[in-house]
Amino acid sequence: LVVVVMRGLLRQATQLRQDLSEVV
């Protein structure tokens, strides 16, 4: 369950990074 939560955090960070790269 902890790794599943960490996977969710990785998903959010990946999405934020993609969004940021589109803005820049």
PDB file of all heavy atoms in Angstrom:
ATOM      1  N   LEU A   1       0.823  -1.216   0.000  1.00  0.00           N
ATOM      2  CA  LEU A   1       0.000   0.000   0.000  1.00  0.00           C
ATOM      3  C   LEU A   1       0.856   1.264   0.000  1.00  0.00           C
ATOM      4  O   LEU A   1       0.525   2.241  -0.679  1.00  0.00           O
ATOM      5  CB  LEU A   1      -0.951  -0.013   1.192  1.00  0.00           C
ATOM      6  CG  LEU A   1      -2.061  -1.065   1.123  1.00  0.00           C
ATOM      7  CD1 LEU A   1      -2.839  -1.099   2.427  1.00  0.00           C
ATOM      8  CD2 LEU A   1      -2.985  -0.802  -0.051  1.00  0.00           C
ATOM      9  N   VAL A   2       1.947   1.252   0.741  1.00  0.00           N
ATOM     10  CA  VAL A   2       2.855   2.409   0.738  1.00  0.00           C
ATOM     11  C   VAL A   2       3.427   2.628  -0.657  1.00  0.00           C
ATOM     12  O   VAL A   2       3.481   3.767  -1.150  1.00  0.00           O
ATOM     13  CB  VAL A   2       3.986   2.226   1.781  1.00  0.00           C
ATOM     14  CG1 VAL A   2       5.088   3.238   1.568  1.00  0.00           C
ATOM     15  CG2 VAL A   2       3.432   2.344   3.183  1.00  0.00           C
ATOM     16  N   VAL A   3       3.819   1.561  -1.327  1.00  0.00           N
ATOM     17  CA  VAL A   3       4.380   1.703  -2.678  1.00  0.00           C
ATOM     18  C   VAL A   3       3.296   2.171  -3.654  1.00  0.00           C
ATOM     19  O   VAL A   3       3.579   2.954  -4.563  1.00  0.00           O
ATOM     20  CB  VAL A   3       5.054   0.389  -3.140  1.00  0.00           C
ATOM     21  CG1 VAL A   3       5.557   0.512  -4.565  1.00  0.00           C
ATOM     22  CG2 VAL A   3       6.210   0.031  -2.211  1.00  0.00           C
ATOM     23  N   VAL A   4       2.055   1.719  -3.467  1.00  0.00           N
ATOM     24  CA  VAL A   4       0.961   2.201  -4.317  1.00  0.00           C
ATOM     25  C   VAL A   4       0.776   3.713  -4.122  1.00  0.00           C
ATOM     26  O   VAL A   4       0.591   4.453  -5.096  1.00  0.00           O
ATOM     27  CB  VAL A   4      -0.352   1.429  -4.014  1.00  0.00           C
ATOM     28  CG1 VAL A   4      -1.554   2.122  -4.639  1.00  0.00           C
ATOM     29  CG2 VAL A   4      -0.250  -0.004  -4.518  1.00  0.00           C
ATOM     30  N   VAL A   5       0.841   4.180  -2.877  1.00  0.00           N
ATOM     31  CA  VAL A   5       0.737   5.624  -2.615  1.00  0.00           C
ATOM     32  C   VAL A   5       1.909   6.356  -3.263  1.00  0.00           C
ATOM     33  O   VAL A   5       1.725   7.409  -3.893  1.00  0.00           O
ATOM     34  CB  VAL A   5       0.677   5.899  -1.090  1.00  0.00           C
ATOM     35  CG1 VAL A   5       0.847   7.387  -0.795  1.00  0.00           C
ATOM     36  CG2 VAL A   5      -0.629   5.387  -0.515  1.00  0.00           C
ATOM     37  N   MET A   6       3.121   5.798  -3.133  1.00  0.00           N
ATOM     38  CA  MET A   6       4.295   6.420  -3.748  1.00  0.00           C
ATOM     39  C   MET A   6       4.151   6.467  -5.274  1.00  0.00           C
ATOM     40  O   MET A   6       4.569   7.426  -5.916  1.00  0.00           O
ATOM     41  CB  MET A   6       5.565   5.661  -3.359  1.00  0.00           C
ATOM     42  CG  MET A   6       5.851   5.684  -1.866  1.00  0.00           C
ATOM     43  SD  MET A   6       6.141   7.339  -1.238  1.00  0.00           S
ATOM     44  CE  MET A   6       7.768   7.624  -1.851  1.00  0.00           C
ATOM     45  N   ARG A   7       3.536   5.429  -5.848  1.00  0.00           N
ATOM     46  CA  ARG A   7       3.291   5.412  -7.291  1.00  0.00           C
ATOM     47  C   ARG A   7       2.357   6.559  -7.669  1.00  0.00           C
ATOM     48  O   ARG A   7       2.541   7.227  -8.688  1.00  0.00           O
ATOM     49  CB  ARG A   7       2.691   4.073  -7.720  1.00  0.00           C
ATOM     50  CG  ARG A   7       2.538   3.944  -9.218  1.00  0.00           C
ATOM     51  CD  ARG A   7       1.772   2.662  -9.579  1.00  0.00           C
ATOM     52  NE  ARG A   7       1.801   2.402 -10.992  1.00  0.00           N
ATOM     53  CZ  ARG A   7       1.100   3.063 -11.898  1.00  0.00           C
ATOM     54  NH1 ARG A   7       0.312   4.066 -11.535  1.00  0.00           N
ATOM     55  NH2 ARG A   7       1.186   2.737 -13.180  1.00  0.00           N
ATOM     56  N   GLY A   8       1.340   6.789  -6.847  1.00  0.00           N
ATOM     57  CA  GLY A   8       0.427   7.908  -7.093  1.00  0.00           C
ATOM     58  C   GLY A   8       1.149   9.246  -7.027  1.00  0.00           C
ATOM     59  O   GLY A   8       0.892  10.140  -7.844  1.00  0.00           O
ATOM     60  N   LEU A   9       2.054   9.383  -6.076  1.00  0.00           N
ATOM     61  CA  LEU A   9       2.836  10.618  -5.984  1.00  0.00           C
ATOM     62  C   LEU A   9       3.741  10.786  -7.204  1.00  0.00           C
ATOM     63  O   LEU A   9       3.905  11.902  -7.717  1.00  0.00           O
ATOM     64  CB  LEU A   9       3.662  10.626  -4.698  1.00  0.00           C
ATOM     65  CG  LEU A   9       2.859  10.704  -3.395  1.00  0.00           C
ATOM     66  CD1 LEU A   9       3.778  10.519  -2.197  1.00  0.00           C
ATOM     67  CD2 LEU A   9       2.106  12.018  -3.305  1.00  0.00           C
ATOM     68  N   LEU A  10       4.321   9.678  -7.662  1.00  0.00           N
ATOM     69  CA  LEU A  10       5.150   9.727  -8.870  1.00  0.00           C
ATOM     70  C   LEU A  10       4.306  10.136 -10.069  1.00  0.00           C
ATOM     71  O   LEU A  10       4.750  10.931 -10.906  1.00  0.00           O
ATOM     72  CB  LEU A  10       5.820   8.367  -9.115  1.00  0.00           C
ATOM     73  CG  LEU A  10       6.693   8.262 -10.357  1.00  0.00           C
ATOM     74  CD1 LEU A  10       7.877   9.221 -10.278  1.00  0.00           C
ATOM     75  CD2 LEU A  10       7.184   6.824 -10.525  1.00  0.00           C
ATOM     76  N   ARG A  11       3.090   9.620 -10.149  1.00  0.00           N
ATOM     77  CA  ARG A  11       2.180   9.981 -11.248  1.00  0.00           C
ATOM     78  C   ARG A  11       1.891  11.482 -11.208  1.00  0.00           C
ATOM     79  O   ARG A  11       1.940  12.157 -12.236  1.00  0.00           O
ATOM     80  CB  ARG A  11       0.893   9.167 -11.131  1.00  0.00           C
ATOM     81  CG  ARG A  11      -0.229   9.596 -12.031  1.00  0.00           C
ATOM     82  CD  ARG A  11      -0.092   9.259 -13.483  1.00  0.00           C
ATOM     83  NE  ARG A  11      -0.034   7.832 -13.695  1.00  0.00           N
ATOM     84  CZ  ARG A  11       0.516   7.278 -14.762  1.00  0.00           C
ATOM     85  NH1 ARG A  11       1.042   8.038 -15.706  1.00  0.00           N
ATOM     86  NH2 ARG A  11       0.562   5.996 -14.913  1.00  0.00           N
ATOM     87  N   GLN A  12       1.594  12.018 -10.023  1.00  0.00           N
ATOM     88  CA  GLN A  12       1.311  13.451  -9.909  1.00  0.00           C
ATOM     89  C   GLN A  12       2.537  14.292 -10.267  1.00  0.00           C
ATOM     90  O   GLN A  12       2.421  15.296 -10.975  1.00  0.00           O
ATOM     91  CB  GLN A  12       0.861  13.788  -8.486  1.00  0.00           C
ATOM     92  CG  GLN A  12      -0.529  13.322  -8.158  1.00  0.00           C
ATOM     93  CD  GLN A  12      -0.915  13.651  -6.730  1.00  0.00           C
ATOM     94  OE1 GLN A  12      -0.074  13.930  -5.890  1.00  0.00           O
ATOM     95  NE2 GLN A  12      -2.217  13.610  -6.455  1.00  0.00           N
ATOM     96  N   ALA A  13       3.699  13.891  -9.784  1.00  0.00           N
ATOM     97  CA  ALA A  13       4.921  14.640 -10.086  1.00  0.00           C
ATOM     98  C   ALA A  13       5.232  14.592 -11.575  1.00  0.00           C
ATOM     99  O   ALA A  13       5.665  15.600 -12.154  1.00  0.00           O
ATOM    100  CB  ALA A  13       6.095  14.074  -9.274  1.00  0.00           C
ATOM    101  N   THR A  14       5.009  13.452 -12.191  1.00  0.00           N
ATOM    102  CA  THR A  14       5.248  13.321 -13.632  1.00  0.00           C
ATOM    103  C   THR A  14       4.307  14.239 -14.408  1.00  0.00           C
ATOM    104  O   THR A  14       4.723  14.923 -15.348  1.00  0.00           O
ATOM    105  CB  THR A  14       5.056  11.857 -14.072  1.00  0.00           C
ATOM    106  OG1 THR A  14       5.958  11.049 -13.325  1.00  0.00           O
ATOM    107  CG2 THR A  14       5.310  11.681 -15.545  1.00  0.00           C
ATOM    108  N   GLN A  15       3.043  14.261 -13.996  1.00  0.00           N
ATOM    109  CA  GLN A  15       2.069  15.120 -14.664  1.00  0.00           C
ATOM    110  C   GLN A  15       2.419  16.590 -14.476  1.00  0.00           C
ATOM    111  O   GLN A  15       2.365  17.371 -15.430  1.00  0.00           O
ATOM    112  CB  GLN A  15       0.655  14.839 -14.135  1.00  0.00           C
ATOM    113  CG  GLN A  15      -0.424  15.603 -14.864  1.00  0.00           C
ATOM    114  CD  GLN A  15      -0.483  15.251 -16.344  1.00  0.00           C
ATOM    115  OE1 GLN A  15      -0.439  14.081 -16.708  1.00  0.00           O
ATOM    116  NE2 GLN A  15      -0.558  16.248 -17.191  1.00  0.00           N
ATOM    117  N   LEU A  16       2.821  16.962 -13.269  1.00  0.00           N
ATOM    118  CA  LEU A  16       3.209  18.353 -13.023  1.00  0.00           C
ATOM    119  C   LEU A  16       4.424  18.739 -13.855  1.00  0.00           C
ATOM    120  O   LEU A  16       4.495  19.857 -14.386  1.00  0.00           O
ATOM    121  CB  LEU A  16       3.490  18.571 -11.540  1.00  0.00           C
ATOM    122  CG  LEU A  16       2.274  18.577 -10.620  1.00  0.00           C
ATOM    123  CD1 LEU A  16       2.702  18.610  -9.162  1.00  0.00           C
ATOM    124  CD2 LEU A  16       1.363  19.758 -10.947  1.00  0.00           C
ATOM    125  N   ARG A  17       5.369  17.845 -13.985  1.00  0.00           N
ATOM    126  CA  ARG A  17       6.557  18.134 -14.774  1.00  0.00           C
ATOM    127  C   ARG A  17       6.212  18.303 -16.246  1.00  0.00           C
ATOM    128  O   ARG A  17       6.731  19.182 -16.927  1.00  0.00           O
ATOM    129  CB  ARG A  17       7.607  17.041 -14.589  1.00  0.00           C
ATOM    130  CG  ARG A  17       8.915  17.386 -15.274  1.00  0.00           C
ATOM    131  CD  ARG A  17      10.009  16.500 -14.831  1.00  0.00           C
ATOM    132  NE  ARG A  17      11.252  16.989 -15.375  1.00  0.00           N
ATOM    133  CZ  ARG A  17      12.412  16.458 -15.132  1.00  0.00           C
ATOM    134  NH1 ARG A  17      12.502  15.425 -14.324  1.00  0.00           N
ATOM    135  NH2 ARG A  17      13.508  16.935 -15.665  1.00  0.00           N
ATOM    136  N   GLN A  18       5.309  17.440 -16.730  1.00  0.00           N
ATOM    137  CA  GLN A  18       4.870  17.567 -18.129  1.00  0.00           C
ATOM    138  C   GLN A  18       4.136  18.882 -18.358  1.00  0.00           C
ATOM    139  O   GLN A  18       4.352  19.568 -19.366  1.00  0.00           O
ATOM    140  CB  GLN A  18       4.001  16.376 -18.515  1.00  0.00           C
ATOM    141  CG  GLN A  18       4.754  15.086 -18.665  1.00  0.00           C
ATOM    142  CD  GLN A  18       3.851  13.884 -18.880  1.00  0.00           C
ATOM    143  OE1 GLN A  18       2.638  13.985 -18.809  1.00  0.00           O
ATOM    144  NE2 GLN A  18       4.450  12.731 -19.129  1.00  0.00           N
ATOM    145  N   ASP A  19       3.259  19.222 -17.409  1.00  0.00           N
ATOM    146  CA  ASP A  19       2.529  20.494 -17.530  1.00  0.00           C
ATOM    147  C   ASP A  19       3.484  21.670 -17.507  1.00  0.00           C
ATOM    148  O   ASP A  19       3.327  22.620 -18.282  1.00  0.00           O
ATOM    149  CB  ASP A  19       1.510  20.631 -16.391  1.00  0.00           C
ATOM    150  CG  ASP A  19       0.364  19.632 -16.495  1.00  0.00           C
ATOM    151  OD1 ASP A  19       0.221  19.005 -17.564  1.00  0.00           O
ATOM    152  OD2 ASP A  19      -0.367  19.478 -15.486  1.00  0.00           O
ATOM    153  N   LEU A  20       4.479  21.618 -16.629  1.00  0.00           N
ATOM    154  CA  LEU A  20       5.448  22.709 -16.516  1.00  0.00           C
ATOM    155  C   LEU A  20       6.275  22.832 -17.789  1.00  0.00           C
ATOM    156  O   LEU A  20       6.565  23.936 -18.247  1.00  0.00           O
ATOM    157  CB  LEU A  20       6.351  22.499 -15.307  1.00  0.00           C
ATOM    158  CG  LEU A  20       7.313  23.629 -14.971  1.00  0.00           C
ATOM    159  CD1 LEU A  20       6.548  24.904 -14.684  1.00  0.00           C
ATOM    160  CD2 LEU A  20       8.180  23.241 -13.785  1.00  0.00           C
ATOM    161  N   SER A  21       6.639  21.705 -18.389  1.00  0.00           N
ATOM    162  CA  SER A  21       7.451  21.758 -19.610  1.00  0.00           C
ATOM    163  C   SER A  21       6.634  22.335 -20.774  1.00  0.00           C
ATOM    164  O   SER A  21       7.197  22.966 -21.678  1.00  0.00           O
ATOM    165  CB  SER A  21       7.993  20.381 -19.973  1.00  0.00           C
ATOM    166  OG  SER A  21       6.952  19.523 -20.353  1.00  0.00           O
ATOM    167  N   GLU A  22       5.324  22.124 -20.756  1.00  0.00           N
ATOM    168  CA  GLU A  22       4.485  22.710 -21.806  1.00  0.00           C
ATOM    169  C   GLU A  22       4.366  24.222 -21.635  1.00  0.00           C
ATOM    170  O   GLU A  22       4.308  24.963 -22.614  1.00  0.00           O
ATOM    171  CB  GLU A  22       3.088  22.079 -21.757  1.00  0.00           C
ATOM    172  CG  GLU A  22       3.068  20.645 -22.228  1.00  0.00           C
ATOM    173  CD  GLU A  22       1.691  19.991 -22.048  1.00  0.00           C
ATOM    174  OE1 GLU A  22       0.731  20.716 -21.720  1.00  0.00           O
ATOM    175  OE2 GLU A  22       1.611  18.767 -22.231  1.00  0.00           O
ATOM    176  N   VAL A  23       4.357  24.674 -20.390  1.00  0.00           N
ATOM    177  CA  VAL A  23       4.256  26.107 -20.117  1.00  0.00           C
ATOM    178  C   VAL A  23       5.550  26.808 -20.517  1.00  0.00           C
ATOM    179  O   VAL A  23       5.525  27.881 -21.110  1.00  0.00           O
ATOM    180  CB  VAL A  23       3.937  26.368 -18.631  1.00  0.00           C
ATOM    181  CG1 VAL A  23       4.054  27.840 -18.290  1.00  0.00           C
ATOM    182  CG2 VAL A  23       2.555  25.861 -18.303  1.00  0.00           C
ATOM    183  N   VAL A  24       6.674  26.162 -20.195  1.00  0.00           N
ATOM    184  CA  VAL A  24       7.960  26.788 -20.475  1.00  0.00           C
ATOM    185  C   VAL A  24       8.238  26.603 -21.949  1.00  0.00           C
ATOM    186  O   VAL A  24       8.540  27.351 -22.731  1.00  0.00           O
ATOM    187  CB  VAL A  24       9.089  26.128 -19.646  1.00  0.00           C
ATOM    188  CG1 VAL A  24      10.434  26.672 -20.048  1.00  0.00           C
ATOM    189  CG2 VAL A  24       8.829  26.369 -18.193  1.00  0.00           C
TER     190      VAL A  24
END
